[in-house]
Amino acid sequence: MNEFPGLIPGHITGYDNYFEDFAVGQRFRHARGKTVTDLENVLITNMVMNTADAHFNEDGMKDHPIGQRIVFGGVTASIVIGLASQDSSDNAIAENGFENMKLLTPVVHGDTLYAYTEVRDLSDTGPDSGTVVFHHWGVNQRGEVVFEVDRSVEVRRRPADTAGASAPRERSNA
């Protein structure tokens, strides 16, 4: 008996996120959320040399309408895409690109982000993989959409040795 539902013994990825498992129009909410802390914003913002004062200067932002430091958009994008990756790109072999990226609502320290995905397009690109276009979006704890992106990913086809795997788990609807 497999004590780890969603995993095939001897494999490190799930069994329901190969190219064949996606269908245009499929929507799902990803299981985890992530609270944004000072660590993500300040560390990563410094690492990419973003010098915008709104990310670092608490005193300078206290009189701004938002009232506190704003999280760097690259951090917001990374968190939402990361939350979506377990279900959407666990079997990815290439990131083909990102389009239509939008930062819609400011994110501040302490906000918790959740991710959702819709499959927008599937392309048969070869015997071992196919391209999936995902539309990812993230919401904060108040349900406000904070981020959207269309992401094109080259995803492995199901290996022949997994053909007898048990049925995939149900994905929650968005």
Protein backbone atom coordinates (compact mmCIF):
# COMPACT_ATOMS: atom_id res chain seq x y z
CA MET A 1 0.00 0.00 0.00
CA ASN A 2 1.25 3.47 -0.88
CA GLU A 3 1.44 5.45 2.37
CA PHE A 4 1.94 8.74 0.46
CA PRO A 5 -1.23 9.43 -1.57
CA GLY A 6 -0.47 11.28 -4.80
CA LEU A 7 2.98 9.75 -5.16
CA ILE A 8 4.05 6.74 -7.18
CA PRO A 9 6.49 4.49 -5.31
CA GLY A 10 9.99 5.12 -6.63
CA HIS A 11 9.06 8.52 -8.12
CA ILE A 12 9.56 11.93 -6.56
CA THR A 13 6.70 13.68 -8.35
CA GLY A 14 2.94 13.28 -8.11
CA TYR A 15 0.99 11.20 -10.59
CA ASP A 16 -1.63 13.76 -11.57
CA ASN A 17 0.44 16.59 -13.00
CA TYR A 18 1.86 15.20 -16.23
CA PHE A 19 0.92 16.80 -19.56
CA GLU A 20 -1.94 14.34 -20.11
CA ASP A 21 -3.52 15.25 -16.77
CA PHE A 22 -4.33 18.84 -17.72
CA ALA A 23 -7.41 20.00 -19.63
CA VAL A 24 -8.21 23.45 -21.00
CA GLY A 25 -10.58 25.19 -18.60
CA GLN A 26 -9.50 23.14 -15.57
CA ARG A 27 -9.33 25.36 -12.48
CA PHE A 28 -8.00 24.68 -9.04
CA ARG A 29 -7.00 26.29 -5.76
CA HIS A 30 -3.58 25.31 -4.50
CA ALA A 31 -3.43 23.80 -1.03
CA ARG A 32 -1.01 26.09 0.76
CA GLY A 33 -0.86 29.75 1.65
CA LYS A 34 2.19 31.83 2.59
CA THR A 35 2.38 34.79 4.93
CA VAL A 36 4.82 37.41 3.62
CA THR A 37 7.42 38.40 6.20
CA ASP A 38 10.24 40.92 6.39
CA LEU A 39 12.62 38.13 5.40
CA GLU A 40 11.18 37.63 1.91
CA ASN A 41 10.73 41.29 1.12
CA VAL A 42 13.92 42.77 2.52
CA LEU A 43 16.29 39.89 1.72
CA ILE A 44 15.19 39.30 -1.87
CA THR A 45 14.72 43.00 -2.60
CA ASN A 46 18.31 43.58 -1.46
CA MET A 47 19.59 40.58 -3.42
CA VAL A 48 18.18 41.94 -6.69
CA MET A 49 19.43 45.44 -5.82
CA ASN A 50 15.98 47.08 -5.87
CA THR A 51 16.55 50.38 -4.11
CA ALA A 52 12.94 51.65 -3.95
CA ASP A 53 12.51 53.31 -0.57
CA ALA A 54 8.93 52.00 -0.23
CA HIS A 55 10.35 48.51 0.40
CA PHE A 56 12.72 49.55 3.21
CA ASN A 57 11.71 52.78 4.89
CA GLU A 58 8.99 52.15 7.47
CA ASP A 59 9.17 55.74 8.74
CA GLY A 60 8.94 57.16 5.22
CA MET A 61 5.88 55.04 4.44
CA LYS A 62 3.90 55.83 7.63
CA ASP A 63 2.31 58.92 6.01
CA HIS A 64 1.67 57.15 2.69
CA PRO A 65 -1.95 56.03 2.13
CA ILE A 66 -0.85 52.40 2.48
CA GLY A 67 0.82 53.23 5.79
CA GLN A 68 3.61 50.66 5.71
CA ARG A 69 6.33 49.17 3.53
CA ILE A 70 5.20 47.62 0.26
CA VAL A 71 6.40 44.14 -0.77
CA PHE A 72 8.51 44.10 -3.95
CA GLY A 73 6.41 42.80 -6.87
CA GLY A 74 9.04 40.20 -7.73
CA VAL A 75 8.53 38.68 -4.29
CA THR A 76 4.75 38.62 -4.73
CA ALA A 77 5.14 36.95 -8.15
CA SER A 78 7.60 34.39 -6.80
CA ILE A 79 5.39 33.41 -3.90
CA VAL A 80 2.26 32.94 -6.03
CA ILE A 81 4.09 30.99 -8.74
CA GLY A 82 5.84 28.93 -6.07
CA LEU A 83 2.55 28.06 -4.38
CA ALA A 84 1.15 26.97 -7.76
CA SER A 85 4.20 24.92 -8.77
CA GLN A 86 3.44 21.72 -6.86
CA ASP A 87 0.29 21.17 -8.91
CA SER A 88 1.22 22.88 -12.17
CA SER A 89 4.88 22.32 -12.80
CA ASP A 90 6.08 19.44 -10.65
CA ASN A 91 6.93 17.67 -13.92
CA ALA A 92 8.18 20.73 -15.81
CA ILE A 93 11.26 20.45 -17.98
CA ALA A 94 11.33 24.09 -19.13
CA GLU A 95 9.84 27.45 -18.28
CA ASN A 96 8.92 28.89 -21.68
CA GLY A 97 7.85 32.33 -20.56
CA PHE A 98 5.59 34.67 -18.66
CA GLU A 99 3.09 37.10 -20.23
CA ASN A 100 0.48 39.57 -19.05
CA MET A 101 1.96 39.91 -15.57
CA LYS A 102 -0.07 42.28 -13.41
CA LEU A 103 0.43 43.49 -9.85
CA LEU A 104 -3.10 44.58 -8.95
CA THR A 105 -3.18 45.28 -5.22
CA PRO A 106 -0.25 46.24 -2.99
CA VAL A 107 1.03 43.49 -0.70
CA VAL A 108 2.44 44.41 2.70
CA HIS A 109 4.29 42.48 5.38
CA GLY A 110 1.88 40.19 7.18
CA ASP A 111 -0.40 39.56 4.18
CA THR A 112 -1.07 35.89 3.47
CA LEU A 113 -1.15 34.89 -0.20
CA TYR A 114 -3.06 32.00 -1.79
CA ALA A 115 -2.75 30.79 -5.38
CA TYR A 116 -5.22 29.65 -8.02
CA THR A 117 -4.72 28.30 -11.54
CA GLU A 118 -6.67 27.87 -14.75
CA VAL A 119 -5.33 25.83 -17.68
CA ARG A 120 -5.60 28.12 -20.72
CA ASP A 121 -3.97 26.11 -23.52
CA LEU A 122 -2.34 22.77 -24.33
CA SER A 123 0.06 22.17 -27.23
CA ASP A 124 1.42 18.84 -28.37
CA THR A 125 5.11 19.64 -28.84
CA GLY A 126 6.83 16.29 -28.90
CA PRO A 127 6.84 12.65 -27.89
CA ASP A 128 8.13 13.28 -24.37
CA SER A 129 6.42 16.56 -23.43
CA GLY A 130 3.82 19.17 -24.22
CA THR A 131 3.33 22.85 -23.53
CA VAL A 132 0.75 23.99 -20.99
CA VAL A 133 -0.26 27.63 -20.61
CA PHE A 134 -1.44 28.33 -17.08
CA HIS A 135 -3.15 31.46 -15.83
CA HIS A 136 -2.06 31.88 -12.20
CA TRP A 137 -3.47 34.41 -9.81
CA GLY A 138 -2.87 35.19 -6.17
CA VAL A 139 -5.20 36.60 -3.56
CA ASN A 140 -4.56 37.96 -0.10
CA GLN A 141 -6.35 36.99 3.10
CA ARG A 142 -9.11 39.49 2.27
CA GLY A 143 -9.80 37.81 -1.08
CA GLU A 144 -8.33 40.68 -3.11
CA VAL A 145 -6.53 39.65 -6.29
CA VAL A 146 -2.95 40.87 -5.90
CA PHE A 147 -1.21 39.25 -8.89
CA GLU A 148 -1.93 37.56 -12.24
CA VAL A 149 0.27 35.99 -14.91
CA ASP A 150 0.05 33.68 -17.92
CA ARG A 151 2.84 31.11 -17.68
CA SER A 152 3.95 28.73 -20.42
CA VAL A 153 5.58 25.52 -19.18
CA GLU A 154 6.96 22.48 -21.01
CA VAL A 155 5.63 19.50 -19.03
CA ARG A 156 6.69 15.83 -19.22
CA ARG A 157 4.34 13.25 -20.60
CA ARG A 158 3.39 10.39 -18.29
CA PRO A 159 6.12 7.71 -18.18
CA ALA A 160 5.09 4.25 -19.38
CA ASP A 161 5.91 2.74 -15.96
CA THR A 162 3.17 4.83 -14.30
CA ALA A 163 0.32 3.67 -16.55
CA GLY A 164 -1.05 1.39 -13.82
CA ALA A 165 -0.98 4.05 -11.09
CA SER A 166 -4.12 4.57 -9.06
CA ALA A 167 -6.57 7.32 -9.95
CA PRO A 168 -5.45 10.90 -9.41
CA ARG A 169 -6.63 12.83 -6.37
CA GLU A 170 -9.45 15.29 -6.74
CA ARG A 171 -8.36 18.87 -7.26
CA SER A 172 -10.38 21.52 -5.49
CA ASN A 173 -12.27 23.90 -7.75
CA ALA A 174 -11.44 27.57 -7.75
